[in-house]
Amino acid sequence: MAHISGIADSVSLVAHFASLYEHSPLHVVLYDPQDMVRYANPAHCTDFGMARDAVMSWTDMMRHSYQNQVGAAINTHDLEAWLVSAKARRGKLPFRTFETDLRNGRWMYITETMDDQGWMLSVGFDITALRANDRSLRQARDGALRAAQVDTLTGVSSRAHVLEQLDLRLNQLRSTQQPCGLVLLDLDYFKKINDTYGHTAGDEVLQRFSRLVVGTLGRNDGFGRIGGEEFLLLFPMVTAAEMEAKVQGILELVRESSPLPEVPRFHHTCSAGLVMLDPALSAIENMRNADRALYAAKGAGRDRLMWA
């Protein structure tokens, strides 16, 4: 890349980029670390029925698309489950690509690029003219990738996908010293829930628990089911105190929830083991430390968090 000399050159270059984006047929959207839309070019706003000065998050934009039948073609009878699944893959890796269709019949190829501060640049290319038989092959590929990344029951990240995110955060910690917290969450007395109310009710508890937790997370946070009733959380760029406050909030929400509508008196709790990632340790060793803290929380009476 050519060297940019001086502030004036930098400002001029940014102005040129902005002008080109304004007139480009590509969909160009910039999201901040809280997943709020900070810039969307006219091409994107037109297809998504957005006002240029609209203040909305990515989630708001998807709800707007679904409710007004514009923008993204979201083909589901359960928007909340769709959002949980989409968020399990969104913003978890430095770069990803996927294809999607719009309500106006166009087919788009989307790239998402993340920086170390959590900003995301999304660029969409119209690929409607590409051969349909090639498209079906690409859809099959994307579907297989999505299935590998998402836990079938809950819609959150699969074990493999969240462990991939853990490796990424460890590498970032080693190279840029960006802190990241790791949490193991385990539903208390889950076997008793299955034994008392049946496995279908147990599945519903896991699903509602997952949605509740996802509702508290930012786009860059990682959340996956690693087995049974155990889940792994990743909180990048937080202090220990900030992470503890977040987890305390989750425990309180779980405690107050009623995940079985047909049994309104039913309540449940969960326990948590916390650790700030240690770059000198492997992913498995960091997880073992969090697991020891989780075991201590269980031993101390459950419905609480403990640090390693």
C-alpha atoms as a PDB file:
ATOM      1  CA  MET A   1       0.000   0.000   0.000  1.00  0.00           C
ATOM      2  CA  ALA A   2       1.298   3.458  -0.878  1.00  0.00           C
ATOM      3  CA  HIS A   3       2.646   5.516   2.006  1.00  0.00           C
ATOM      4  CA  ILE A   4       0.284   8.209   3.298  1.00  0.00           C
ATOM      5  CA  SER A   5       2.160  11.345   4.336  1.00  0.00           C
ATOM      6  CA  GLY A   6       0.541  13.785   6.721  1.00  0.00           C
ATOM      7  CA  ILE A   7      -2.901  14.364   8.176  1.00  0.00           C
ATOM      8  CA  ALA A   8      -4.136  16.178   5.070  1.00  0.00           C
ATOM      9  CA  ASP A   9      -3.422  13.164   2.870  1.00  0.00           C
ATOM     10  CA  SER A  10      -5.154  10.866   5.354  1.00  0.00           C
ATOM     11  CA  VAL A  11      -8.265  13.056   5.465  1.00  0.00           C
ATOM     12  CA  SER A  12      -8.319  13.277   1.681  1.00  0.00           C
ATOM     13  CA  LEU A  13      -8.035   9.514   1.342  1.00  0.00           C
ATOM     14  CA  VAL A  14     -10.900   8.931   3.790  1.00  0.00           C
ATOM     15  CA  ALA A  15     -13.025  11.423   1.853  1.00  0.00           C
ATOM     16  CA  HIS A  16     -12.332   9.556  -1.390  1.00  0.00           C
ATOM     17  CA  PHE A  17     -13.274   6.242   0.227  1.00  0.00           C
ATOM     18  CA  ALA A  18     -16.508   7.744   1.557  1.00  0.00           C
ATOM     19  CA  SER A  19     -17.427   9.184  -1.837  1.00  0.00           C
ATOM     20  CA  LEU A  20     -16.789   5.878  -3.589  1.00  0.00           C
ATOM     21  CA  TYR A  21     -18.867   3.952  -1.045  1.00  0.00           C
ATOM     22  CA  GLU A  22     -21.719   6.444  -1.453  1.00  0.00           C
ATOM     23  CA  HIS A  23     -21.903   5.760  -5.196  1.00  0.00           C
ATOM     24  CA  SER A  24     -21.058   2.058  -5.128  1.00  0.00           C
ATOM     25  CA  PRO A  25     -23.687  -0.600  -5.949  1.00  0.00           C
ATOM     26  CA  LEU A  26     -22.078  -2.765  -3.259  1.00  0.00           C
ATOM     27  CA  HIS A  27     -23.718  -2.993   0.153  1.00  0.00           C
ATOM     28  CA  VAL A  28     -21.259  -1.355   2.573  1.00  0.00           C
ATOM     29  CA  VAL A  29     -22.026  -1.288   6.310  1.00  0.00           C
ATOM     30  CA  LEU A  30     -19.789  -0.397   9.254  1.00  0.00           C
ATOM     31  CA  TYR A  31     -20.698  -1.695  12.727  1.00  0.00           C
ATOM     32  CA  ASP A  32     -19.155  -0.546  16.001  1.00  0.00           C
ATOM     33  CA  PRO A  33     -18.151  -2.974  18.802  1.00  0.00           C
ATOM     34  CA  GLN A  34     -21.712  -2.824  20.204  1.00  0.00           C
ATOM     35  CA  ASP A  35     -23.010  -3.938  16.771  1.00  0.00           C
ATOM     36  CA  MET A  36     -24.654  -0.574  16.088  1.00  0.00           C
ATOM     37  CA  VAL A  37     -24.779   0.571  12.462  1.00  0.00           C
ATOM     38  CA  ARG A  38     -22.393   3.519  12.210  1.00  0.00           C
ATOM     39  CA  TYR A  39     -22.469   3.788   8.420  1.00  0.00           C
ATOM     40  CA  ALA A  40     -24.592   2.231   5.690  1.00  0.00           C
ATOM     41  CA  ASN A  41     -24.295   3.345   2.084  1.00  0.00           C
ATOM     42  CA  PRO A  42     -27.320   4.200  -0.109  1.00  0.00           C
ATOM     43  CA  ALA A  43     -27.332   0.824  -1.889  1.00  0.00           C
ATOM     44  CA  HIS A  44     -27.736  -1.013   1.409  1.00  0.00           C
ATOM     45  CA  CYS A  45     -30.278   1.451   2.828  1.00  0.00           C
ATOM     46  CA  THR A  46     -32.433   1.182  -0.294  1.00  0.00           C
ATOM     47  CA  ASP A  47     -32.626  -2.617  -0.261  1.00  0.00           C
ATOM     48  CA  PHE A  48     -33.211  -2.745   3.501  1.00  0.00           C
ATOM     49  CA  GLY A  49     -35.745   0.084   3.643  1.00  0.00           C
ATOM     50  CA  MET A  50     -33.571   2.047   6.078  1.00  0.00           C
ATOM     51  CA  ALA A  51     -33.435   5.792   6.569  1.00  0.00           C
ATOM     52  CA  ARG A  52     -29.901   7.142   6.204  1.00  0.00           C
ATOM     53  CA  ASP A  53     -30.032   8.603   9.720  1.00  0.00           C
ATOM     54  CA  ALA A  54     -31.583   5.521  11.339  1.00  0.00           C
ATOM     55  CA  VAL A  55     -30.078   4.524  14.691  1.00  0.00           C
ATOM     56  CA  MET A  56     -30.218   0.752  14.915  1.00  0.00           C
ATOM     57  CA  SER A  57     -28.231  -2.328  15.763  1.00  0.00           C
ATOM     58  CA  TRP A  58     -27.753  -5.327  13.489  1.00  0.00           C
ATOM     59  CA  THR A  59     -30.480  -7.094  15.505  1.00  0.00           C
ATOM     60  CA  ASP A  60     -32.839  -4.136  15.003  1.00  0.00           C
ATOM     61  CA  MET A  61     -32.099  -4.234  11.281  1.00  0.00           C
ATOM     62  CA  MET A  62     -32.926  -7.940  11.057  1.00  0.00           C
ATOM     63  CA  ARG A  63     -36.174  -7.430  12.984  1.00  0.00           C
ATOM     64  CA  HIS A  64     -37.039  -4.567  10.621  1.00  0.00           C
ATOM     65  CA  SER A  65     -36.332  -6.822   7.620  1.00  0.00           C
ATOM     66  CA  TYR A  66     -38.467  -9.625   9.004  1.00  0.00           C
ATOM     67  CA  GLN A  67     -41.408  -7.463  10.062  1.00  0.00           C
ATOM     68  CA  ASN A  68     -41.505  -5.350   6.896  1.00  0.00           C
ATOM     69  CA  GLN A  69     -40.516  -8.061   4.410  1.00  0.00           C
ATOM     70  CA  VAL A  70     -37.581  -6.040   3.071  1.00  0.00           C
ATOM     71  CA  GLY A  71     -33.834  -6.585   2.949  1.00  0.00           C
ATOM     72  CA  ALA A  72     -32.678 -10.021   4.048  1.00  0.00           C
ATOM     73  CA  ALA A  73     -34.979 -12.916   3.182  1.00  0.00           C
ATOM     74  CA  ILE A  74     -35.383 -14.426   6.652  1.00  0.00           C
ATOM     75  CA  ASN A  75     -37.379 -17.594   6.085  1.00  0.00           C
ATOM     76  CA  THR A  76     -38.366 -18.789   9.530  1.00  0.00           C
ATOM     77  CA  HIS A  77     -41.398 -19.080  11.795  1.00  0.00           C
ATOM     78  CA  ASP A  78     -39.255 -18.374  14.863  1.00  0.00           C
ATOM     79  CA  LEU A  79     -37.282 -15.159  14.501  1.00  0.00           C
ATOM     80  CA  GLU A  80     -35.771 -15.417  17.987  1.00  0.00           C
ATOM     81  CA  ALA A  81     -34.312 -18.856  17.261  1.00  0.00           C
ATOM     82  CA  TRP A  82     -32.989 -17.545  13.924  1.00  0.00           C
ATOM     83  CA  LEU A  83     -31.300 -14.620  15.692  1.00  0.00           C
ATOM     84  CA  VAL A  84     -29.668 -16.918  18.261  1.00  0.00           C
ATOM     85  CA  SER A  85     -28.253 -19.088  15.475  1.00  0.00           C
ATOM     86  CA  ALA A  86     -27.061 -16.092  13.436  1.00  0.00           C
ATOM     87  CA  LYS A  87     -25.380 -14.481  16.437  1.00  0.00           C
ATOM     88  CA  ALA A  88     -23.543 -17.745  17.161  1.00  0.00           C
ATOM     89  CA  ARG A  89     -21.571 -17.194  13.949  1.00  0.00           C
ATOM     90  CA  ARG A  90     -21.546 -13.416  13.630  1.00  0.00           C
ATOM     91  CA  GLY A  91     -18.369 -11.563  14.586  1.00  0.00           C
ATOM     92  CA  LYS A  92     -16.661 -14.569  16.140  1.00  0.00           C
ATOM     93  CA  LEU A  93     -13.763 -14.823  13.669  1.00  0.00           C
ATOM     94  CA  PRO A  94     -11.589 -12.127  12.024  1.00  0.00           C
ATOM     95  CA  PHE A  95     -13.048 -12.806   8.580  1.00  0.00           C
ATOM     96  CA  ARG A  96     -15.878 -14.824   7.110  1.00  0.00           C
ATOM     97  CA  THR A  97     -17.924 -15.029   3.921  1.00  0.00           C
ATOM     98  CA  PHE A  98     -21.397 -16.329   3.202  1.00  0.00           C
ATOM     99  CA  GLU A  99     -24.202 -16.017   0.681  1.00  0.00           C
ATOM    100  CA  THR A 100     -27.751 -14.842   1.281  1.00  0.00           C
ATOM    101  CA  ASP A 101     -30.795 -13.775  -0.691  1.00  0.00           C
ATOM    102  CA  LEU A 102     -32.809 -10.568  -0.454  1.00  0.00           C
ATOM    103  CA  ARG A 103     -36.565 -10.075  -0.565  1.00  0.00           C
ATOM    104  CA  ASN A 104     -36.234  -8.364  -3.940  1.00  0.00           C
ATOM    105  CA  GLY A 105     -34.895 -11.576  -5.474  1.00  0.00           C
ATOM    106  CA  ARG A 106     -31.227 -10.616  -5.591  1.00  0.00           C
ATOM    107  CA  TRP A 107     -28.526 -12.991  -4.353  1.00  0.00           C
ATOM    108  CA  MET A 108     -25.654 -11.521  -2.325  1.00  0.00           C
ATOM    109  CA  TYR A 109     -22.139 -12.630  -1.415  1.00  0.00           C
ATOM    110  CA  ILE A 110     -21.224 -11.067   1.950  1.00  0.00           C
ATOM    111  CA  THR A 111     -17.805 -10.542   3.518  1.00  0.00           C
ATOM    112  CA  GLU A 112     -17.384  -9.571   7.177  1.00  0.00           C
ATOM    113  CA  THR A 113     -14.017  -8.246   8.361  1.00  0.00           C
ATOM    114  CA  MET A 114     -13.260  -7.583  12.045  1.00  0.00           C
ATOM    115  CA  ASP A 115     -10.517  -5.482  13.592  1.00  0.00           C
ATOM    116  CA  ASP A 116      -8.895  -5.943  17.008  1.00  0.00           C
ATOM    117  CA  GLN A 117     -11.178  -3.333  18.602  1.00  0.00           C
ATOM    118  CA  GLY A 118     -14.365  -5.122  17.567  1.00  0.00           C
ATOM    119  CA  TRP A 119     -15.379  -2.955  14.597  1.00  0.00           C
ATOM    120  CA  MET A 120     -16.834  -4.821  11.619  1.00  0.00           C
ATOM    121  CA  LEU A 121     -16.929  -3.914   7.923  1.00  0.00           C
ATOM    122  CA  SER A 122     -19.565  -5.792   5.932  1.00  0.00           C
ATOM    123  CA  VAL A 123     -19.469  -5.669   2.132  1.00  0.00           C
ATOM    124  CA  GLY A 124     -22.114  -7.312  -0.041  1.00  0.00           C
ATOM    125  CA  PHE A 125     -21.725  -8.165  -3.743  1.00  0.00           C
ATOM    126  CA  ASP A 126     -24.643  -8.902  -6.068  1.00  0.00           C
ATOM    127  CA  ILE A 127     -24.006 -12.362  -7.536  1.00  0.00           C
ATOM    128  CA  THR A 128     -27.495 -12.980  -8.914  1.00  0.00           C
ATOM    129  CA  ALA A 129     -26.082 -13.469 -12.411  1.00  0.00           C
ATOM    130  CA  LEU A 130     -23.927 -16.434 -11.396  1.00  0.00           C
ATOM    131  CA  ARG A 131     -25.133 -19.811 -12.598  1.00  0.00           C
ATOM    132  CA  ALA A 132     -27.899 -21.315 -10.460  1.00  0.00           C
ATOM    133  CA  ASN A 133     -26.359 -24.798 -10.390  1.00  0.00           C
ATOM    134  CA  ASP A 134     -23.144 -23.361  -8.958  1.00  0.00           C
ATOM    135  CA  ARG A 135     -25.226 -21.517  -6.389  1.00  0.00           C
ATOM    136  CA  SER A 136     -26.838 -24.723  -5.141  1.00  0.00           C
ATOM    137  CA  LEU A 137     -23.390 -26.208  -4.560  1.00  0.00           C
ATOM    138  CA  ARG A 138     -22.297 -23.123  -2.637  1.00  0.00           C
ATOM    139  CA  GLN A 139     -25.497 -23.210  -0.588  1.00  0.00           C
ATOM    140  CA  ALA A 140     -24.820 -26.832   0.299  1.00  0.00           C
ATOM    141  CA  ARG A 141     -21.292 -25.894   1.367  1.00  0.00           C
ATOM    142  CA  ASP A 142     -22.547 -22.992   3.495  1.00  0.00           C
ATOM    143  CA  GLY A 143     -25.219 -25.203   5.023  1.00  0.00           C
ATOM    144  CA  ALA A 144     -22.658 -27.827   6.002  1.00  0.00           C
ATOM    145  CA  LEU A 145     -20.418 -25.162   7.530  1.00  0.00           C
ATOM    146  CA  ARG A 146     -23.347 -23.672   9.440  1.00  0.00           C
ATOM    147  CA  ALA A 147     -24.332 -27.102  10.758  1.00  0.00           C
ATOM    148  CA  ALA A 148     -20.785 -27.679  12.009  1.00  0.00           C
ATOM    149  CA  GLN A 149     -20.678 -24.315  13.767  1.00  0.00           C
ATOM    150  CA  VAL A 150     -24.072 -24.378  15.479  1.00  0.00           C
ATOM    151  CA  ASP A 151     -25.397 -26.622  18.236  1.00  0.00           C
ATOM    152  CA  THR A 152     -28.520 -28.288  16.841  1.00  0.00           C
ATOM    153  CA  LEU A 153     -30.636 -28.088  19.994  1.00  0.00           C
ATOM    154  CA  THR A 154     -29.876 -24.602  21.299  1.00  0.00           C
ATOM    155  CA  GLY A 155     -28.705 -22.685  18.229  1.00  0.00           C
ATOM    156  CA  VAL A 156     -25.586 -21.355  19.983  1.00  0.00           C
ATOM    157  CA  SER A 157     -22.050 -22.190  18.888  1.00  0.00           C
ATOM    158  CA  SER A 158     -21.133 -25.856  18.744  1.00  0.00           C
ATOM    159  CA  ARG A 159     -18.315 -27.220  20.882  1.00  0.00           C
ATOM    160  CA  ALA A 160     -15.899 -27.159  17.950  1.00  0.00           C
ATOM    161  CA  HIS A 161     -16.831 -23.607  16.968  1.00  0.00           C
ATOM    162  CA  VAL A 162     -16.537 -22.099  20.450  1.00  0.00           C
ATOM    163  CA  LEU A 163     -13.212 -23.889  21.021  1.00  0.00           C
ATOM    164  CA  GLU A 164     -11.995 -22.393  17.735  1.00  0.00           C
ATOM    165  CA  GLN A 165     -12.937 -18.988  19.156  1.00  0.00           C
ATOM    166  CA  LEU A 166     -11.035 -19.810  22.358  1.00  0.00           C
ATOM    167  CA  ASP A 167      -7.894 -20.576  20.332  1.00  0.00           C
ATOM    168  CA  LEU A 168      -8.333 -17.292  18.461  1.00  0.00           C
ATOM    169  CA  ARG A 169      -8.634 -15.289  21.695  1.00  0.00           C
ATOM    170  CA  LEU A 170      -5.567 -16.982  23.157  1.00  0.00           C
ATOM    171  CA  ASN A 171      -3.547 -16.129  20.051  1.00  0.00           C
ATOM    172  CA  GLN A 172      -4.749 -12.522  20.227  1.00  0.00           C
ATOM    173  CA  LEU A 173      -3.773 -12.368  23.894  1.00  0.00           C
ATOM    174  CA  ARG A 174      -0.288 -13.642  23.074  1.00  0.00           C
ATOM    175  CA  SER A 175       0.258 -11.234  20.188  1.00  0.00           C
ATOM    176  CA  THR A 176      -1.554  -8.063  21.289  1.00  0.00           C
ATOM    177  CA  GLN A 177      -2.068  -8.549  25.049  1.00  0.00           C
ATOM    178  CA  GLN A 178      -5.831  -8.172  24.632  1.00  0.00           C
ATOM    179  CA  PRO A 179      -7.357  -9.694  27.795  1.00  0.00           C
ATOM    180  CA  CYS A 180     -10.137 -12.240  27.578  1.00  0.00           C
ATOM    181  CA  GLY A 181     -12.174 -13.983  30.232  1.00  0.00           C
ATOM    182  CA  LEU A 182     -13.393 -17.574  30.104  1.00  0.00           C
ATOM    183  CA  VAL A 183     -16.467 -18.853  31.948  1.00  0.00           C
ATOM    184  CA  LEU A 184     -17.837 -22.357  32.288  1.00  0.00           C
ATOM    185  CA  LEU A 185     -21.565 -22.407  33.050  1.00  0.00           C
ATOM    186  CA  ASP A 186     -23.404 -25.505  34.229  1.00  0.00           C
ATOM    187  CA  LEU A 187     -27.117 -25.828  34.956  1.00  0.00           C
ATOM    188  CA  ASP A 188     -27.681 -27.004  38.519  1.00  0.00           C
ATOM    189  CA  TYR A 189     -29.498 -30.305  39.159  1.00  0.00           C
ATOM    190  CA  PHE A 190     -30.217 -30.752  35.471  1.00  0.00           C
ATOM    191  CA  LYS A 191     -30.612 -34.524  35.783  1.00  0.00           C
ATOM    192  CA  LYS A 192     -33.385 -33.914  38.298  1.00  0.00           C
ATOM    193  CA  ILE A 193     -35.129 -31.654  35.781  1.00  0.00           C
ATOM    194  CA  ASN A 194     -35.049 -34.444  33.190  1.00  0.00           C
ATOM    195  CA  ASP A 195     -36.170 -37.058  35.707  1.00  0.00           C
ATOM    196  CA  THR A 196     -39.028 -34.917  37.035  1.00  0.00           C
ATOM    197  CA  TYR A 197     -40.386 -33.244  33.913  1.00  0.00           C
ATOM    198  CA  GLY A 198     -39.010 -35.385  31.084  1.00  0.00           C
ATOM    199  CA  HIS A 199     -36.333 -34.918  28.465  1.00  0.00           C
ATOM    200  CA  THR A 200     -38.510 -32.713  26.261  1.00  0.00           C
ATOM    201  CA  ALA A 201     -38.847 -30.268  29.143  1.00  0.00           C
ATOM    202  CA  GLY A 202     -35.102 -30.546  29.733  1.00  0.00           C
ATOM    203  CA  ASP A 203     -34.472 -29.602  26.113  1.00  0.00           C
ATOM    204  CA  GLU A 204     -36.776 -26.600  26.488  1.00  0.00           C
ATOM    205  CA  VAL A 205     -34.875 -25.473  29.584  1.00  0.00           C
ATOM    206  CA  LEU A 206     -31.601 -25.626  27.636  1.00  0.00           C
ATOM    207  CA  GLN A 207     -33.098 -23.688  24.728  1.00  0.00           C
ATOM    208  CA  ARG A 208     -34.577 -20.944  26.899  1.00  0.00           C
ATOM    209  CA  PHE A 209     -31.396 -20.725  28.970  1.00  0.00           C
ATOM    210  CA  SER A 210     -29.391 -20.256  25.774  1.00  0.00           C
ATOM    211  CA  ARG A 211     -31.667 -17.486  24.516  1.00  0.00           C
ATOM    212  CA  LEU A 212     -31.538 -15.747  27.878  1.00  0.00           C
ATOM    213  CA  VAL A 213     -27.729 -15.756  27.908  1.00  0.00           C
ATOM    214  CA  VAL A 214     -27.452 -14.664  24.268  1.00  0.00           C
ATOM    215  CA  GLY A 215     -29.645 -11.680  25.108  1.00  0.00           C
ATOM    216  CA  THR A 216     -26.994 -10.414  27.542  1.00  0.00           C
ATOM    217  CA  LEU A 217     -24.006 -10.747  25.200  1.00  0.00           C
ATOM    218  CA  GLY A 218     -22.234  -8.450  22.794  1.00  0.00           C
ATOM    219  CA  ARG A 219     -21.426  -9.442  19.212  1.00  0.00           C
ATOM    220  CA  ASN A 220     -17.788 -10.217  20.019  1.00  0.00           C
ATOM    221  CA  ASP A 221     -18.561 -12.408  23.025  1.00  0.00           C
ATOM    222  CA  GLY A 222     -18.381 -16.154  22.473  1.00  0.00           C
ATOM    223  CA  PHE A 223     -21.002 -18.602  23.731  1.00  0.00           C
ATOM    224  CA  GLY A 224     -21.235 -22.288  22.980  1.00  0.00           C
ATOM    225  CA  ARG A 225     -22.586 -25.553  24.320  1.00  0.00           C
ATOM    226  CA  ILE A 226     -19.703 -27.896  25.043  1.00  0.00           C
ATOM    227  CA  GLY A 227     -21.746 -30.869  26.204  1.00  0.00           C
ATOM    228  CA  GLY A 228     -24.951 -31.764  28.030  1.00  0.00           C
ATOM    229  CA  GLU A 229     -25.906 -28.860  30.279  1.00  0.00           C
ATOM    230  CA  GLU A 230     -22.445 -27.232  30.211  1.00  0.00           C
ATOM    231  CA  PHE A 231     -21.664 -24.056  28.282  1.00  0.00           C
ATOM    232  CA  LEU A 232     -18.565 -21.954  27.630  1.00  0.00           C
ATOM    233  CA  LEU A 233     -18.505 -18.148  27.550  1.00  0.00           C
ATOM    234  CA  LEU A 234     -15.741 -15.901  26.216  1.00  0.00           C
ATOM    235  CA  PHE A 235     -15.557 -12.217  27.125  1.00  0.00           C
ATOM    236  CA  PRO A 236     -12.843 -10.432  25.110  1.00  0.00           C
ATOM    237  CA  MET A 237     -11.437  -7.068  26.153  1.00  0.00           C
ATOM    238  CA  VAL A 238     -12.861  -7.051  29.694  1.00  0.00           C
ATOM    239  CA  THR A 239     -11.397  -6.693  33.165  1.00  0.00           C
ATOM    240  CA  ALA A 240     -11.955  -9.344  35.810  1.00  0.00           C
ATOM    241  CA  ALA A 241     -14.392  -7.041  37.619  1.00  0.00           C
ATOM    242  CA  GLU A 242     -16.376  -6.385  34.439  1.00  0.00           C
ATOM    243  CA  MET A 243     -16.643 -10.088  33.677  1.00  0.00           C
ATOM    244  CA  GLU A 244     -17.740 -10.927  37.210  1.00  0.00           C
ATOM    245  CA  ALA A 245     -20.503  -8.322  36.978  1.00  0.00           C
ATOM    246  CA  LYS A 246     -21.666  -9.772  33.657  1.00  0.00           C
ATOM    247  CA  VAL A 247     -21.772 -13.310  35.029  1.00  0.00           C
ATOM    248  CA  GLN A 248     -23.542 -12.226  38.219  1.00  0.00           C
ATOM    249  CA  GLY A 249     -26.176 -10.644  35.995  1.00  0.00           C
ATOM    250  CA  ILE A 250     -26.611 -13.895  34.072  1.00  0.00           C
ATOM    251  CA  LEU A 251     -26.972 -15.924  37.277  1.00  0.00           C
ATOM    252  CA  GLU A 252     -29.633 -13.510  38.503  1.00  0.00           C
ATOM    253  CA  LEU A 253     -31.578 -13.673  35.245  1.00  0.00           C
ATOM    254  CA  VAL A 254     -31.494 -17.476  35.289  1.00  0.00           C
ATOM    255  CA  ARG A 255     -32.623 -17.523  38.920  1.00  0.00           C
ATOM    256  CA  GLU A 256     -35.614 -15.315  38.114  1.00  0.00           C
ATOM    257  CA  SER A 257     -36.603 -17.047  34.876  1.00  0.00           C
ATOM    258  CA  SER A 258     -39.525 -19.426  34.368  1.00  0.00           C
ATOM    259  CA  PRO A 259     -38.391 -21.555  31.427  1.00  0.00           C
ATOM    260  CA  LEU A 260     -41.345 -23.965  31.443  1.00  0.00           C
ATOM    261  CA  PRO A 261     -44.605 -22.084  30.698  1.00  0.00           C
ATOM    262  CA  GLU A 262     -46.645 -25.178  31.502  1.00  0.00           C
ATOM    263  CA  VAL A 263     -45.004 -25.338  34.955  1.00  0.00           C
ATOM    264  CA  PRO A 264     -44.984 -21.648  36.008  1.00  0.00           C
ATOM    265  CA  ARG A 265     -43.695 -22.428  39.495  1.00  0.00           C
ATOM    266  CA  PHE A 266     -40.589 -24.120  38.142  1.00  0.00           C
ATOM    267  CA  HIS A 267     -37.336 -22.206  38.544  1.00  0.00           C
ATOM    268  CA  HIS A 268     -33.725 -23.264  38.199  1.00  0.00           C
ATOM    269  CA  THR A 269     -30.199 -21.972  38.718  1.00  0.00           C
ATOM    270  CA  CYS A 270     -26.727 -22.360  37.296  1.00  0.00           C
ATOM    271  CA  SER A 271     -23.154 -22.215  38.571  1.00  0.00           C
ATOM    272  CA  ALA A 272     -20.099 -20.611  37.000  1.00  0.00           C
ATOM    273  CA  GLY A 273     -16.329 -21.025  37.042  1.00  0.00           C
ATOM    274  CA  LEU A 274     -14.323 -17.990  35.960  1.00  0.00           C
ATOM    275  CA  VAL A 275     -10.760 -17.427  34.807  1.00  0.00           C
ATOM    276  CA  MET A 276      -8.907 -14.740  32.883  1.00  0.00           C
ATOM    277  CA  LEU A 277      -7.070 -16.457  30.043  1.00  0.00           C
ATOM    278  CA  ASP A 278      -3.408 -17.123  30.762  1.00  0.00           C
ATOM    279  CA  PRO A 279      -1.331 -16.898  27.552  1.00  0.00           C
ATOM    280  CA  ALA A 280       1.280 -19.231  29.041  1.00  0.00           C
ATOM    281  CA  LEU A 281      -1.297 -22.032  29.181  1.00  0.00           C
ATOM    282  CA  SER A 282      -3.001 -24.006  26.437  1.00  0.00           C
ATOM    283  CA  ALA A 283      -6.719 -23.760  25.760  1.00  0.00           C
ATOM    284  CA  ILE A 284      -7.304 -27.064  27.546  1.00  0.00           C
ATOM    285  CA  GLU A 285      -5.298 -25.949  30.586  1.00  0.00           C
ATOM    286  CA  ASN A 286      -7.264 -22.705  30.810  1.00  0.00           C
ATOM    287  CA  MET A 287     -10.488 -24.687  30.588  1.00  0.00           C
ATOM    288  CA  ARG A 288      -9.328 -27.030  33.340  1.00  0.00           C
ATOM    289  CA  ASN A 289      -8.740 -24.054  35.619  1.00  0.00           C
ATOM    290  CA  ALA A 290     -12.247 -22.763  34.910  1.00  0.00           C
ATOM    291  CA  ASP A 291     -13.625 -26.257  35.473  1.00  0.00           C
ATOM    292  CA  ARG A 292     -11.967 -26.431  38.895  1.00  0.00           C
ATOM    293  CA  ALA A 293     -13.587 -23.111  39.780  1.00  0.00           C
ATOM    294  CA  LEU A 294     -16.947 -24.424  38.554  1.00  0.00           C
ATOM    295  CA  TYR A 295     -16.524 -27.538  40.696  1.00  0.00           C
ATOM    296  CA  ALA A 296     -15.796 -25.290  43.694  1.00  0.00           C
ATOM    297  CA  ALA A 297     -18.960 -23.270  42.993  1.00  0.00           C
ATOM    298  CA  LYS A 298     -20.982 -26.484  42.920  1.00  0.00           C
ATOM    299  CA  GLY A 299     -19.373 -27.643  46.148  1.00  0.00           C
ATOM    300  CA  ALA A 300     -20.105 -24.335  47.867  1.00  0.00           C
ATOM    301  CA  GLY A 301     -23.837 -24.698  47.304  1.00  0.00           C
ATOM    302  CA  ARG A 302     -24.414 -23.947  43.593  1.00  0.00           C
ATOM    303  CA  ASP A 303     -26.141 -20.866  42.152  1.00  0.00           C
ATOM    304  CA  ARG A 304     -22.931 -18.861  42.416  1.00  0.00           C
ATOM    305  CA  LEU A 305     -19.676 -18.069  40.687  1.00  0.00           C
ATOM    306  CA  MET A 306     -16.148 -18.870  41.768  1.00  0.00           C
ATOM    307  CA  TRP A 307     -12.773 -17.781  40.424  1.00  0.00           C
ATOM    308  CA  ALA A 308      -9.947 -20.164  39.651  1.00  0.00           C
END
